[in-house]
């Protein structure tokens, strides 16, 4: 089942269950998928690729993480909790997240493979790491780990 079909099915289920937050979140994902599809039609592409879909989901997850951070700093735990619930829903559509130990192993392998050993190699390592780990973990986490290993 494609992501689009899964989203449509989940909208129906959320409506039947009267799950307002899930319904709003899934509808917002659908909206962004449709917008991206329309944008790509102008460029001559008919459908979204799985990579395009993951990119949209990653953007939505990142947006929620940033909002959670800002709401907590602003003392609005109620809004942070709502964003956290939405983030959890979005993450169900993303590929399985890698554990911290798996992430560290992958980053170490990339650094070794590229022969990187100084902070000057950060961009080179980040490029490969982000491509390999797209949708599987947070970019900030990757960056922090790469920086710590290259210093």
N, C-alpha and C. Protein backbone atom coordinates (compact mmCIF):
# COMPACT_ATOMS: atom_id res chain seq x y z
N UNK A 1 0.85 -1.19 0.00
CA UNK A 1 0.00 0.00 0.00
C UNK A 1 0.89 1.24 0.00
N UNK A 2 0.60 2.16 -0.90
CA UNK A 2 1.40 3.38 -0.96
C UNK A 2 1.08 4.28 0.23
N UNK A 3 1.95 5.25 0.45
CA UNK A 3 1.75 6.18 1.57
C UNK A 3 0.44 6.94 1.40
N UNK A 4 0.15 7.33 0.18
CA UNK A 4 -1.08 8.08 -0.10
C UNK A 4 -2.32 7.25 0.26
N UNK A 5 -2.31 5.98 -0.12
CA UNK A 5 -3.44 5.09 0.20
C UNK A 5 -3.53 4.88 1.71
N UNK A 6 -2.37 4.73 2.36
CA UNK A 6 -2.35 4.55 3.81
C UNK A 6 -2.92 5.77 4.52
N UNK A 7 -2.55 6.95 4.04
CA UNK A 7 -3.04 8.21 4.62
C UNK A 7 -4.57 8.28 4.48
N UNK A 8 -5.08 7.98 3.29
CA UNK A 8 -6.53 8.02 3.07
C UNK A 8 -7.25 7.04 3.99
N UNK A 9 -6.69 5.87 4.16
CA UNK A 9 -7.28 4.86 5.04
C UNK A 9 -7.26 5.34 6.49
N UNK A 10 -6.13 5.95 6.89
CA UNK A 10 -6.00 6.42 8.28
C UNK A 10 -6.93 7.60 8.56
N UNK A 11 -7.21 8.41 7.55
CA UNK A 11 -8.17 9.51 7.73
C UNK A 11 -9.55 8.93 8.05
N UNK A 12 -9.94 7.90 7.29
CA UNK A 12 -11.24 7.26 7.55
C UNK A 12 -11.29 6.67 8.95
N UNK A 13 -10.23 5.98 9.33
CA UNK A 13 -10.20 5.36 10.67
C UNK A 13 -10.24 6.41 11.77
N UNK A 14 -9.53 7.50 11.59
CA UNK A 14 -9.51 8.56 12.60
C UNK A 14 -10.89 9.22 12.71
N UNK A 15 -11.57 9.36 11.57
CA UNK A 15 -12.91 9.95 11.59
C UNK A 15 -13.87 9.03 12.34
N UNK A 16 -13.79 7.73 12.05
CA UNK A 16 -14.66 6.77 12.73
C UNK A 16 -14.39 6.72 14.22
N UNK A 17 -13.11 6.83 14.60
CA UNK A 17 -12.73 6.76 16.01
C UNK A 17 -12.90 8.11 16.72
N UNK A 18 -13.25 9.15 15.95
CA UNK A 18 -13.39 10.51 16.47
C UNK A 18 -12.10 10.97 17.18
N UNK A 19 -10.96 10.59 16.59
CA UNK A 19 -9.64 10.96 17.10
C UNK A 19 -9.22 12.26 16.42
N UNK A 20 -9.53 13.37 17.07
CA UNK A 20 -9.36 14.69 16.47
C UNK A 20 -7.90 15.00 16.13
N UNK A 21 -6.99 14.74 17.05
CA UNK A 21 -5.58 15.06 16.81
C UNK A 21 -5.02 14.22 15.67
N UNK A 22 -5.31 12.92 15.66
CA UNK A 22 -4.82 12.05 14.60
C UNK A 22 -5.40 12.50 13.25
N UNK A 23 -6.68 12.84 13.25
CA UNK A 23 -7.33 13.28 12.02
C UNK A 23 -6.67 14.55 11.48
N UNK A 24 -6.45 15.54 12.35
CA UNK A 24 -5.82 16.80 11.94
C UNK A 24 -4.41 16.54 11.41
N UNK A 25 -3.66 15.70 12.10
CA UNK A 25 -2.28 15.43 11.71
C UNK A 25 -2.20 14.71 10.37
N UNK A 26 -3.02 13.68 10.22
CA UNK A 26 -3.00 12.91 8.97
C UNK A 26 -3.48 13.77 7.81
N UNK A 27 -4.47 14.61 8.06
CA UNK A 27 -4.94 15.51 7.00
C UNK A 27 -3.84 16.50 6.60
N UNK A 28 -3.08 16.97 7.59
CA UNK A 28 -2.00 17.92 7.26
C UNK A 28 -0.92 17.23 6.43
N UNK A 29 -0.63 15.97 6.74
CA UNK A 29 0.33 15.21 5.93
C UNK A 29 -0.19 15.10 4.50
N UNK A 30 -1.46 14.76 4.37
CA UNK A 30 -2.06 14.62 3.04
C UNK A 30 -1.97 15.94 2.27
N UNK A 31 -2.22 17.04 2.96
CA UNK A 31 -2.16 18.36 2.33
C UNK A 31 -0.76 18.63 1.78
N UNK A 32 0.27 18.33 2.58
CA UNK A 32 1.64 18.57 2.12
C UNK A 32 2.02 17.63 0.97
N UNK A 33 1.53 16.40 1.01
CA UNK A 33 1.78 15.46 -0.10
C UNK A 33 1.15 15.98 -1.39
N UNK A 34 -0.09 16.46 -1.29
CA UNK A 34 -0.78 16.99 -2.47
C UNK A 34 -0.09 18.24 -3.02
N UNK A 35 0.35 19.12 -2.11
CA UNK A 35 1.04 20.33 -2.54
C UNK A 35 2.33 19.98 -3.28
N UNK A 36 3.08 19.02 -2.74
CA UNK A 36 4.33 18.60 -3.38
C UNK A 36 4.05 17.96 -4.74
N UNK A 37 2.99 17.17 -4.81
CA UNK A 37 2.61 16.53 -6.07
C UNK A 37 2.28 17.57 -7.14
N UNK A 38 1.53 18.59 -6.75
CA UNK A 38 1.17 19.66 -7.67
C UNK A 38 2.42 20.41 -8.12
N UNK A 39 3.32 20.67 -7.18
CA UNK A 39 4.57 21.35 -7.51
C UNK A 39 5.39 20.54 -8.53
N UNK A 40 5.43 19.22 -8.33
CA UNK A 40 6.20 18.37 -9.23
C UNK A 40 5.56 18.24 -10.60
N UNK A 41 4.22 18.31 -10.67
CA UNK A 41 3.53 18.25 -11.96
C UNK A 41 4.00 19.37 -12.88
N UNK A 42 4.24 20.53 -12.27
CA UNK A 42 4.74 21.67 -13.04
C UNK A 42 6.12 21.41 -13.60
N UNK A 43 6.84 20.48 -13.00
CA UNK A 43 8.18 20.13 -13.46
C UNK A 43 8.17 18.88 -14.33
N UNK A 44 6.99 18.38 -14.66
CA UNK A 44 6.88 17.25 -15.56
C UNK A 44 6.86 15.89 -14.91
N UNK A 45 6.82 15.80 -13.59
CA UNK A 45 6.74 14.51 -12.91
C UNK A 45 5.28 14.21 -12.56
N UNK A 46 4.89 12.96 -12.71
CA UNK A 46 3.50 12.59 -12.43
C UNK A 46 3.24 12.27 -10.97
N UNK A 47 4.11 11.48 -10.37
CA UNK A 47 3.88 11.02 -9.00
C UNK A 47 5.06 11.31 -8.09
N UNK A 48 4.76 11.29 -6.80
CA UNK A 48 5.82 11.43 -5.81
C UNK A 48 6.59 10.12 -5.71
N UNK A 49 7.88 10.23 -5.55
CA UNK A 49 8.69 9.03 -5.31
C UNK A 49 8.67 8.77 -3.80
N UNK A 50 9.02 7.57 -3.38
CA UNK A 50 9.11 7.31 -1.93
C UNK A 50 10.07 8.27 -1.23
N UNK A 51 11.12 8.70 -1.93
CA UNK A 51 12.07 9.66 -1.36
C UNK A 51 11.40 11.01 -1.13
N UNK A 52 10.55 11.42 -2.08
CA UNK A 52 9.80 12.67 -1.93
C UNK A 52 8.88 12.60 -0.71
N UNK A 53 8.22 11.45 -0.56
CA UNK A 53 7.29 11.27 0.57
C UNK A 53 8.04 11.32 1.89
N UNK A 54 9.19 10.66 1.95
CA UNK A 54 9.98 10.66 3.18
C UNK A 54 10.46 12.07 3.49
N UNK A 55 10.86 12.80 2.46
CA UNK A 55 11.32 14.17 2.65
C UNK A 55 10.23 15.03 3.29
N UNK A 56 9.01 14.87 2.82
CA UNK A 56 7.89 15.63 3.38
C UNK A 56 7.66 15.25 4.84
N UNK A 57 7.69 13.95 5.11
CA UNK A 57 7.48 13.49 6.49
C UNK A 57 8.60 13.98 7.41
N UNK A 58 9.82 13.96 6.92
CA UNK A 58 10.96 14.44 7.72
C UNK A 58 10.79 15.92 8.02
N UNK A 59 10.37 16.70 7.02
CA UNK A 59 10.13 18.14 7.24
C UNK A 59 9.06 18.36 8.29
N UNK A 60 7.99 17.59 8.21
CA UNK A 60 6.90 17.74 9.18
C UNK A 60 7.36 17.35 10.59
N UNK A 61 8.14 16.28 10.68
CA UNK A 61 8.65 15.85 11.99
C UNK A 61 9.59 16.91 12.56
N UNK A 62 10.45 17.47 11.73
CA UNK A 62 11.39 18.50 12.18
C UNK A 62 10.63 19.72 12.67
N UNK A 63 9.60 20.09 11.93
CA UNK A 63 8.79 21.24 12.32
C UNK A 63 8.17 21.01 13.70
N UNK A 64 7.67 19.80 13.95
CA UNK A 64 7.07 19.50 15.25
C UNK A 64 8.13 19.54 16.36
N UNK A 65 9.32 19.00 16.09
CA UNK A 65 10.39 19.01 17.10
C UNK A 65 10.77 20.44 17.47
N UNK A 66 10.90 21.30 16.46
CA UNK A 66 11.23 22.70 16.70
C UNK A 66 10.14 23.38 17.52
N UNK A 67 8.89 23.10 17.19
CA UNK A 67 7.76 23.69 17.93
C UNK A 67 7.75 23.23 19.38
N UNK A 68 8.02 21.95 19.59
CA UNK A 68 8.06 21.42 20.95
C UNK A 68 9.10 22.17 21.77
N UNK A 69 10.29 22.35 21.18
CA UNK A 69 11.37 23.06 21.86
C UNK A 69 10.94 24.49 22.22
N UNK A 70 10.33 25.18 21.27
CA UNK A 70 9.92 26.56 21.50
C UNK A 70 8.81 26.65 22.54
N UNK A 71 7.85 25.73 22.50
CA UNK A 71 6.76 25.75 23.46
C UNK A 71 7.27 25.47 24.87
N UNK A 72 8.22 24.57 24.99
CA UNK A 72 8.77 24.27 26.32
C UNK A 72 9.51 25.49 26.86
N UNK A 73 10.29 26.15 26.00
CA UNK A 73 11.01 27.35 26.41
C UNK A 73 10.04 28.46 26.80
N UNK A 74 8.89 28.49 26.13
CA UNK A 74 7.88 29.52 26.41
C UNK A 74 6.95 29.15 27.56
N UNK A 75 7.18 27.98 28.18
CA UNK A 75 6.35 27.57 29.31
C UNK A 75 4.96 27.09 28.91
N UNK A 76 4.80 26.61 27.69
CA UNK A 76 3.49 26.13 27.22
C UNK A 76 3.53 24.61 27.05
N UNK A 77 3.55 23.91 28.14
CA UNK A 77 3.64 22.46 28.12
C UNK A 77 2.44 21.83 27.41
N UNK A 78 1.26 22.46 27.54
CA UNK A 78 0.07 21.93 26.88
C UNK A 78 0.23 21.87 25.36
N UNK A 79 0.78 22.94 24.78
CA UNK A 79 1.01 22.96 23.34
C UNK A 79 2.15 22.03 22.94
N UNK A 80 3.16 21.92 23.80
CA UNK A 80 4.28 21.00 23.54
C UNK A 80 3.77 19.57 23.52
N UNK A 81 2.87 19.24 24.43
CA UNK A 81 2.31 17.88 24.47
C UNK A 81 1.52 17.57 23.20
N UNK A 82 0.76 18.55 22.71
CA UNK A 82 -0.01 18.36 21.48
C UNK A 82 0.93 18.11 20.30
N UNK A 83 1.99 18.91 20.22
CA UNK A 83 2.97 18.74 19.14
C UNK A 83 3.67 17.38 19.25
N UNK A 84 3.93 16.94 20.47
CA UNK A 84 4.57 15.63 20.68
C UNK A 84 3.66 14.51 20.18
N UNK A 85 2.37 14.63 20.43
CA UNK A 85 1.41 13.64 19.95
C UNK A 85 1.40 13.62 18.43
N UNK A 86 1.41 14.80 17.82
CA UNK A 86 1.45 14.88 16.36
C UNK A 86 2.75 14.28 15.81
N UNK A 87 3.86 14.56 16.49
CA UNK A 87 5.15 14.01 16.07
C UNK A 87 5.13 12.48 16.11
N UNK A 88 4.55 11.93 17.16
CA UNK A 88 4.45 10.47 17.28
C UNK A 88 3.64 9.88 16.11
N UNK A 89 2.59 10.57 15.72
CA UNK A 89 1.76 10.10 14.60
C UNK A 89 2.56 10.15 13.30
N UNK A 90 3.26 11.25 13.06
CA UNK A 90 4.07 11.40 11.84
C UNK A 90 5.14 10.32 11.79
N UNK A 91 5.76 10.03 12.92
CA UNK A 91 6.85 9.05 12.96
C UNK A 91 6.37 7.64 12.62
N UNK A 92 5.07 7.37 12.74
CA UNK A 92 4.58 6.04 12.36
C UNK A 92 4.69 5.81 10.85
N UNK A 93 4.77 6.88 10.08
CA UNK A 93 4.89 6.77 8.62
C UNK A 93 6.34 6.77 8.14
N UNK A 94 7.25 7.16 9.02
CA UNK A 94 8.67 7.20 8.66
C UNK A 94 9.29 5.82 8.78
N UNK A 95 10.43 5.61 8.09
CA UNK A 95 11.13 4.32 8.26
C UNK A 95 11.51 4.13 9.72
N UNK A 96 11.77 2.89 10.10
CA UNK A 96 12.16 2.59 11.48
C UNK A 96 13.36 3.45 11.88
N UNK A 97 13.27 4.04 13.05
CA UNK A 97 14.35 4.90 13.54
C UNK A 97 15.51 4.04 14.04
N UNK A 98 16.73 4.52 13.80
CA UNK A 98 17.90 3.78 14.27
C UNK A 98 18.16 4.12 15.73
N UNK A 99 18.67 3.14 16.46
CA UNK A 99 18.99 3.37 17.87
C UNK A 99 20.28 4.19 17.95
N UNK A 100 20.57 4.70 19.14
CA UNK A 100 21.78 5.50 19.33
C UNK A 100 23.03 4.69 19.04
N UNK A 101 23.05 3.43 19.44
CA UNK A 101 24.23 2.60 19.20
C UNK A 101 24.39 2.31 17.70
N UNK A 102 23.27 2.07 17.00
CA UNK A 102 23.33 1.85 15.55
C UNK A 102 23.80 3.12 14.84
N UNK A 103 23.31 4.26 15.30
CA UNK A 103 23.69 5.54 14.71
C UNK A 103 25.19 5.76 14.87
N UNK A 104 25.68 5.50 16.06
CA UNK A 104 27.11 5.69 16.32
C UNK A 104 27.95 4.76 15.43
N UNK A 105 27.51 3.54 15.27
CA UNK A 105 28.22 2.57 14.43
C UNK A 105 28.22 3.03 12.96
N UNK A 106 27.08 3.49 12.47
CA UNK A 106 26.98 3.95 11.08
C UNK A 106 27.88 5.16 10.85
N UNK A 107 27.85 6.12 11.78
CA UNK A 107 28.68 7.33 11.66
C UNK A 107 30.16 6.95 11.69
N UNK A 108 30.54 6.06 12.59
CA UNK A 108 31.93 5.61 12.68
C UNK A 108 32.37 4.97 11.37
N UNK A 109 31.51 4.14 10.79
CA UNK A 109 31.84 3.49 9.51
C UNK A 109 32.00 4.51 8.39
N UNK A 110 31.14 5.51 8.37
CA UNK A 110 31.23 6.54 7.34
C UNK A 110 32.53 7.32 7.48
N UNK A 111 32.86 7.70 8.71
CA UNK A 111 34.10 8.45 8.96
C UNK A 111 35.31 7.63 8.53
N UNK A 112 35.31 6.35 8.87
CA UNK A 112 36.42 5.46 8.50
C UNK A 112 36.51 5.32 6.98
N UNK A 113 35.37 5.08 6.34
CA UNK A 113 35.33 4.89 4.89
C UNK A 113 35.84 6.13 4.15
N UNK A 114 35.49 7.32 4.67
CA UNK A 114 35.91 8.56 4.01
C UNK A 114 37.31 9.00 4.42
N UNK A 115 37.85 8.37 5.46
CA UNK A 115 39.17 8.77 5.96
C UNK A 115 39.15 10.14 6.61
N UNK A 116 38.01 10.51 7.15
CA UNK A 116 37.85 11.81 7.80
C UNK A 116 38.45 11.75 9.21
N UNK A 117 39.13 12.86 9.61
CA UNK A 117 39.68 12.87 10.96
C UNK A 117 39.74 14.25 11.59
N UNK A 118 39.36 15.29 10.87
CA UNK A 118 39.36 16.63 11.46
C UNK A 118 38.01 17.30 11.23
N UNK A 119 37.81 18.40 11.91
CA UNK A 119 36.56 19.16 11.79
C UNK A 119 36.37 19.69 10.36
N UNK A 120 37.46 19.79 9.59
CA UNK A 120 37.36 20.25 8.20
C UNK A 120 36.58 19.26 7.33
N UNK A 121 36.52 18.00 7.77
CA UNK A 121 35.84 16.95 7.02
C UNK A 121 34.35 16.86 7.37
N UNK A 122 33.87 17.75 8.23
CA UNK A 122 32.49 17.70 8.70
C UNK A 122 31.48 17.68 7.54
N UNK A 123 31.63 18.57 6.59
CA UNK A 123 30.68 18.66 5.48
C UNK A 123 30.65 17.39 4.65
N UNK A 124 31.81 16.82 4.41
CA UNK A 124 31.91 15.60 3.62
C UNK A 124 31.19 14.45 4.33
N UNK A 125 31.43 14.32 5.62
CA UNK A 125 30.81 13.24 6.41
C UNK A 125 29.30 13.48 6.54
N UNK A 126 28.89 14.72 6.78
CA UNK A 126 27.47 15.03 6.95
C UNK A 126 26.70 14.74 5.67
N UNK A 127 27.27 15.04 4.52
CA UNK A 127 26.60 14.78 3.25
C UNK A 127 26.26 13.30 3.08
N UNK A 128 27.24 12.45 3.33
CA UNK A 128 27.04 11.01 3.20
C UNK A 128 26.08 10.50 4.28
N UNK A 129 26.28 10.98 5.52
CA UNK A 129 25.46 10.52 6.64
C UNK A 129 23.99 10.90 6.45
N UNK A 130 23.73 12.11 6.02
CA UNK A 130 22.35 12.56 5.85
C UNK A 130 21.66 11.77 4.74
N UNK A 131 22.41 11.47 3.69
CA UNK A 131 21.83 10.70 2.60
C UNK A 131 21.50 9.28 3.05
N UNK A 132 22.42 8.69 3.79
CA UNK A 132 22.24 7.30 4.24
C UNK A 132 21.18 7.17 5.33
N UNK A 133 21.06 8.19 6.17
CA UNK A 133 20.16 8.10 7.33
C UNK A 133 18.88 8.92 7.17
N UNK A 134 18.59 9.38 5.98
CA UNK A 134 17.42 10.23 5.74
C UNK A 134 16.14 9.55 6.24
N UNK A 135 15.46 10.24 7.14
CA UNK A 135 14.19 9.74 7.67
C UNK A 135 14.35 8.73 8.80
N UNK A 136 15.59 8.32 9.07
CA UNK A 136 15.79 7.30 10.09
C UNK A 136 16.20 7.87 11.44
N UNK A 137 16.60 9.13 11.46
CA UNK A 137 16.93 9.80 12.71
C UNK A 137 16.97 11.31 12.46
N UNK A 138 17.05 12.06 13.54
CA UNK A 138 17.05 13.51 13.47
C UNK A 138 18.40 14.03 12.99
N UNK A 139 18.38 15.01 12.10
CA UNK A 139 19.61 15.60 11.57
C UNK A 139 20.48 16.23 12.64
N UNK A 140 19.87 16.82 13.66
CA UNK A 140 20.64 17.43 14.75
C UNK A 140 21.47 16.38 15.48
N UNK A 141 20.85 15.23 15.70
CA UNK A 141 21.54 14.12 16.36
C UNK A 141 22.76 13.69 15.56
N UNK A 142 22.58 13.59 14.25
CA UNK A 142 23.68 13.18 13.37
C UNK A 142 24.80 14.21 13.46
N UNK A 143 24.44 15.47 13.36
CA UNK A 143 25.44 16.54 13.37
C UNK A 143 26.22 16.55 14.69
N UNK A 144 25.52 16.43 15.81
CA UNK A 144 26.20 16.43 17.11
C UNK A 144 27.18 15.27 17.22
N UNK A 145 26.77 14.10 16.76
CA UNK A 145 27.63 12.92 16.84
C UNK A 145 28.85 13.05 15.93
N UNK A 146 28.63 13.54 14.71
CA UNK A 146 29.75 13.72 13.78
C UNK A 146 30.73 14.73 14.34
N UNK A 147 30.23 15.85 14.87
CA UNK A 147 31.11 16.87 15.45
C UNK A 147 31.93 16.30 16.60
N UNK A 148 31.28 15.51 17.47
CA UNK A 148 32.01 14.96 18.62
C UNK A 148 33.09 13.98 18.18
N UNK A 149 32.85 13.26 17.11
CA UNK A 149 33.83 12.27 16.62
C UNK A 149 34.97 12.90 15.84
N UNK A 150 34.73 14.06 15.24
CA UNK A 150 35.77 14.71 14.43
C UNK A 150 36.60 15.73 15.19
N UNK A 151 36.31 15.95 16.44
CA UNK A 151 37.11 16.91 17.22
C UNK A 151 38.20 16.24 18.00
